[in-house]
Amino acid sequence: MKLKQEISLLQAQLSNFKRENEALRSGQGASLTVVKQNTDVALQNLHVVMNSAHASIKQLVSGAETLNLVAEILKSIDRITEIKDEADS
């Protein structure tokens, strides 16, 4: 009789463990789905940041080229002024 009670108790525990195991597995699946969604969002955000960085770098290079052109023009103006000053002397 005592063994039958123990078997019954063990079967109930086994049933509870099976339900708990299934719940954990379904929770893991949900967690993996959330992780995948978060990864997708992070990837999209990374692409946006990357594209913005590329645009900023292009603007920076364009600005540097413009500054270089202005510097060359100023050098030319200085030379022209020096030549004119020499011619006036």
N, C-alpha and C. Protein backbone atom coordinates (compact mmCIF):
# COMPACT_ATOMS: atom_id res chain seq x y z
N MET A 1 0.82 -1.19 0.00
CA MET A 1 0.00 0.00 0.00
C MET A 1 0.87 1.27 0.00
N LYS A 2 1.92 1.23 0.82
CA LYS A 2 2.82 2.37 0.90
C LYS A 2 3.54 2.59 -0.43
N LEU A 3 3.91 1.52 -1.12
CA LEU A 3 4.57 1.62 -2.42
C LEU A 3 3.62 2.21 -3.46
N LYS A 4 2.34 1.85 -3.41
CA LYS A 4 1.36 2.40 -4.34
C LYS A 4 1.22 3.91 -4.14
N GLN A 5 1.23 4.36 -2.89
CA GLN A 5 1.14 5.79 -2.61
C GLN A 5 2.39 6.51 -3.15
N GLU A 6 3.53 5.87 -2.95
CA GLU A 6 4.77 6.46 -3.43
C GLU A 6 4.79 6.54 -4.96
N ILE A 7 4.30 5.49 -5.60
CA ILE A 7 4.22 5.48 -7.08
C ILE A 7 3.28 6.58 -7.53
N SER A 8 2.16 6.72 -6.86
CA SER A 8 1.19 7.76 -7.22
C SER A 8 1.81 9.15 -7.06
N LEU A 9 2.53 9.35 -5.97
CA LEU A 9 3.19 10.62 -5.72
C LEU A 9 4.25 10.90 -6.78
N LEU A 10 5.04 9.88 -7.12
CA LEU A 10 6.07 10.04 -8.14
C LEU A 10 5.46 10.33 -9.51
N GLN A 11 4.34 9.70 -9.83
CA GLN A 11 3.67 9.96 -11.11
C GLN A 11 3.15 11.41 -11.17
N ALA A 12 2.62 11.88 -10.05
CA ALA A 12 2.15 13.26 -9.99
C ALA A 12 3.32 14.23 -10.17
N GLN A 13 4.45 13.94 -9.52
CA GLN A 13 5.64 14.78 -9.67
C GLN A 13 6.15 14.75 -11.11
N LEU A 14 6.13 13.55 -11.72
CA LEU A 14 6.57 13.42 -13.10
C LEU A 14 5.68 14.26 -14.02
N SER A 15 4.39 14.20 -13.79
CA SER A 15 3.45 14.98 -14.59
C SER A 15 3.72 16.48 -14.43
N ASN A 16 3.96 16.89 -13.18
CA ASN A 16 4.27 18.31 -12.92
C ASN A 16 5.57 18.72 -13.60
N PHE A 17 6.58 17.86 -13.53
CA PHE A 17 7.85 18.16 -14.18
C PHE A 17 7.71 18.26 -15.69
N LYS A 18 6.88 17.39 -16.27
CA LYS A 18 6.66 17.44 -17.73
C LYS A 18 6.01 18.77 -18.12
N ARG A 19 4.98 19.17 -17.35
CA ARG A 19 4.32 20.45 -17.64
C ARG A 19 5.29 21.63 -17.49
N GLU A 20 6.09 21.57 -16.45
CA GLU A 20 7.07 22.64 -16.22
C GLU A 20 8.09 22.68 -17.35
N ASN A 21 8.53 21.50 -17.79
CA ASN A 21 9.48 21.41 -18.89
C ASN A 21 8.90 22.00 -20.17
N GLU A 22 7.66 21.66 -20.47
CA GLU A 22 7.00 22.21 -21.67
C GLU A 22 6.87 23.72 -21.57
N ALA A 23 6.52 24.20 -20.39
CA ALA A 23 6.38 25.65 -20.20
C ALA A 23 7.72 26.35 -20.41
N LEU A 24 8.78 25.75 -19.89
CA LEU A 24 10.11 26.35 -20.07
C LEU A 24 10.51 26.34 -21.53
N ARG A 25 10.23 25.24 -22.21
CA ARG A 25 10.59 25.17 -23.64
C ARG A 25 9.83 26.20 -24.45
N SER A 26 8.54 26.34 -24.19
CA SER A 26 7.76 27.34 -24.95
C SER A 26 8.24 28.74 -24.60
N GLY A 27 8.66 28.95 -23.36
CA GLY A 27 9.22 30.24 -22.96
C GLY A 27 10.52 30.51 -23.66
N GLN A 28 11.34 29.48 -23.84
CA GLN A 28 12.61 29.64 -24.56
C GLN A 28 12.35 30.03 -26.00
N GLY A 29 11.35 29.40 -26.60
CA GLY A 29 11.02 29.74 -27.99
C GLY A 29 10.60 31.18 -28.10
N ALA A 30 9.80 31.63 -27.14
CA ALA A 30 9.37 33.03 -27.14
C ALA A 30 10.57 33.94 -26.92
N SER A 31 11.46 33.53 -26.02
CA SER A 31 12.64 34.35 -25.75
C SER A 31 13.51 34.45 -27.00
N LEU A 32 13.67 33.35 -27.72
CA LEU A 32 14.48 33.37 -28.94
C LEU A 32 13.84 34.28 -29.99
N THR A 33 12.52 34.28 -30.05
CA THR A 33 11.82 35.15 -30.99
C THR A 33 12.09 36.61 -30.64
N VAL A 34 12.02 36.93 -29.35
CA VAL A 34 12.28 38.30 -28.91
C VAL A 34 13.73 38.69 -29.21
N VAL A 35 14.65 37.79 -28.97
CA VAL A 35 16.06 38.06 -29.26
C VAL A 35 16.25 38.32 -30.75
N LYS A 36 15.61 37.51 -31.58
CA LYS A 36 15.73 37.71 -33.03
C LYS A 36 15.15 39.05 -33.45
N GLN A 37 13.99 39.40 -32.88
CA GLN A 37 13.38 40.70 -33.20
C GLN A 37 14.30 41.84 -32.76
N ASN A 38 14.86 41.73 -31.57
CA ASN A 38 15.78 42.77 -31.08
C ASN A 38 17.02 42.87 -31.97
N THR A 39 17.51 41.72 -32.42
CA THR A 39 18.67 41.71 -33.31
C THR A 39 18.34 42.39 -34.63
N ASP A 40 17.14 42.11 -35.16
CA ASP A 40 16.73 42.74 -36.42
C ASP A 40 16.63 44.26 -36.28
N VAL A 41 16.06 44.71 -35.16
CA VAL A 41 15.94 46.15 -34.93
C VAL A 41 17.33 46.78 -34.78
N ALA A 42 18.21 46.10 -34.05
CA ALA A 42 19.57 46.61 -33.88
C ALA A 42 20.28 46.70 -35.23
N LEU A 43 20.08 45.70 -36.08
CA LEU A 43 20.70 45.70 -37.41
C LEU A 43 20.18 46.86 -38.26
N GLN A 44 18.87 47.09 -38.20
CA GLN A 44 18.30 48.22 -38.95
C GLN A 44 18.87 49.54 -38.45
N ASN A 45 18.96 49.69 -37.13
CA ASN A 45 19.52 50.92 -36.57
C ASN A 45 20.98 51.09 -36.96
N LEU A 46 21.71 49.99 -36.99
CA LEU A 46 23.11 50.04 -37.39
C LEU A 46 23.26 50.50 -38.83
N HIS A 47 22.37 50.03 -39.71
CA HIS A 47 22.40 50.47 -41.11
C HIS A 47 22.12 51.97 -41.22
N VAL A 48 21.16 52.46 -40.43
CA VAL A 48 20.84 53.88 -40.45
C VAL A 48 22.04 54.70 -40.01
N VAL A 49 22.68 54.28 -38.91
CA VAL A 49 23.85 54.98 -38.40
C VAL A 49 24.99 54.94 -39.42
N MET A 50 25.18 53.78 -40.04
CA MET A 50 26.24 53.62 -41.02
C MET A 50 26.01 54.54 -42.22
N ASN A 51 24.78 54.60 -42.71
CA ASN A 51 24.48 55.48 -43.84
C ASN A 51 24.68 56.94 -43.47
N SER A 52 24.29 57.30 -42.27
CA SER A 52 24.47 58.66 -41.79
C SER A 52 25.96 58.99 -41.69
N ALA A 53 26.74 58.05 -41.20
CA ALA A 53 28.19 58.26 -41.08
C ALA A 53 28.82 58.44 -42.46
N HIS A 54 28.38 57.65 -43.43
CA HIS A 54 28.90 57.79 -44.79
C HIS A 54 28.58 59.18 -45.34
N ALA A 55 27.36 59.64 -45.12
CA ALA A 55 26.97 60.97 -45.60
C ALA A 55 27.81 62.05 -44.93
N SER A 56 28.02 61.90 -43.63
CA SER A 56 28.83 62.89 -42.90
C SER A 56 30.27 62.90 -43.40
N ILE A 57 30.82 61.74 -43.67
CA ILE A 57 32.19 61.65 -44.18
C ILE A 57 32.29 62.30 -45.56
N LYS A 58 31.29 62.07 -46.41
CA LYS A 58 31.29 62.69 -47.73
C LYS A 58 31.24 64.21 -47.61
N GLN A 59 30.39 64.70 -46.69
CA GLN A 59 30.32 66.15 -46.48
C GLN A 59 31.65 66.70 -45.96
N LEU A 60 32.27 65.98 -45.08
CA LEU A 60 33.55 66.40 -44.51
C LEU A 60 34.62 66.47 -45.60
N VAL A 61 34.68 65.45 -46.45
CA VAL A 61 35.67 65.44 -47.53
C VAL A 61 35.38 66.59 -48.51
N SER A 62 34.12 66.80 -48.82
CA SER A 62 33.75 67.89 -49.73
C SER A 62 34.15 69.24 -49.13
N GLY A 63 33.90 69.41 -47.83
CA GLY A 63 34.29 70.65 -47.16
C GLY A 63 35.79 70.84 -47.16
N ALA A 64 36.54 69.77 -46.94
CA ALA A 64 38.01 69.85 -46.95
C ALA A 64 38.50 70.24 -48.34
N GLU A 65 37.90 69.68 -49.37
CA GLU A 65 38.30 70.03 -50.74
C GLU A 65 38.00 71.49 -51.04
N THR A 66 36.86 71.97 -50.54
CA THR A 66 36.51 73.38 -50.73
C THR A 66 37.51 74.28 -50.02
N LEU A 67 37.86 73.92 -48.79
CA LEU A 67 38.86 74.71 -48.05
C LEU A 67 40.20 74.71 -48.76
N ASN A 68 40.57 73.58 -49.32
CA ASN A 68 41.83 73.50 -50.08
C ASN A 68 41.78 74.42 -51.29
N LEU A 69 40.65 74.46 -51.98
CA LEU A 69 40.48 75.34 -53.14
C LEU A 69 40.58 76.80 -52.72
N VAL A 70 39.95 77.15 -51.60
CA VAL A 70 40.01 78.53 -51.10
C VAL A 70 41.45 78.89 -50.75
N ALA A 71 42.17 77.96 -50.13
CA ALA A 71 43.58 78.21 -49.78
C ALA A 71 44.40 78.46 -51.04
N GLU A 72 44.19 77.67 -52.08
CA GLU A 72 44.92 77.86 -53.34
C GLU A 72 44.58 79.20 -53.97
N ILE A 73 43.32 79.59 -53.90
CA ILE A 73 42.92 80.90 -54.46
C ILE A 73 43.59 82.03 -53.69
N LEU A 74 43.62 81.90 -52.35
CA LEU A 74 44.29 82.94 -51.54
C LEU A 74 45.78 83.02 -51.85
N LYS A 75 46.42 81.87 -52.07
CA LYS A 75 47.83 81.88 -52.46
C LYS A 75 48.00 82.60 -53.79
N SER A 76 47.10 82.32 -54.73
CA SER A 76 47.18 82.97 -56.05
C SER A 76 47.01 84.47 -55.92
N ILE A 77 46.07 84.90 -55.07
CA ILE A 77 45.85 86.33 -54.86
C ILE A 77 47.10 86.97 -54.27
N ASP A 78 47.74 86.28 -53.31
CA ASP A 78 48.98 86.80 -52.72
C ASP A 78 50.06 86.95 -53.79
N ARG A 79 50.19 85.96 -54.66
CA ARG A 79 51.21 86.04 -55.73
C ARG A 79 50.92 87.19 -56.68
N ILE A 80 49.63 87.31 -57.03
CA ILE A 80 49.25 88.39 -57.95
C ILE A 80 49.56 89.74 -57.31
N THR A 81 49.26 89.87 -56.02
CA THR A 81 49.52 91.12 -55.32
C THR A 81 51.01 91.41 -55.26
N GLU A 82 51.83 90.36 -55.01
CA GLU A 82 53.29 90.54 -54.96
C GLU A 82 53.82 90.97 -56.32
N ILE A 83 53.32 90.33 -57.37
CA ILE A 83 53.78 90.68 -58.72
C ILE A 83 53.38 92.11 -59.05
N LYS A 84 52.15 92.50 -58.69
CA LYS A 84 51.69 93.87 -58.96
C LYS A 84 52.51 94.87 -58.17
N ASP A 85 52.82 94.53 -56.88
CA ASP A 85 53.63 95.44 -56.07
C ASP A 85 55.03 95.61 -56.68
N GLU A 86 55.61 94.52 -57.17
CA GLU A 86 56.93 94.59 -57.79
C GLU A 86 56.88 95.43 -59.05
N ALA A 87 55.79 95.29 -59.82
CA ALA A 87 55.67 96.05 -61.06
C ALA A 87 55.48 97.53 -60.78
N ASP A 88 54.80 97.87 -59.70
CA ASP A 88 54.57 99.27 -59.34
C ASP A 88 55.85 99.91 -58.80
N SER A 89 56.77 99.11 -58.28
CA SER A 89 58.00 99.67 -57.68
C SER A 89 58.99 100.06 -58.69
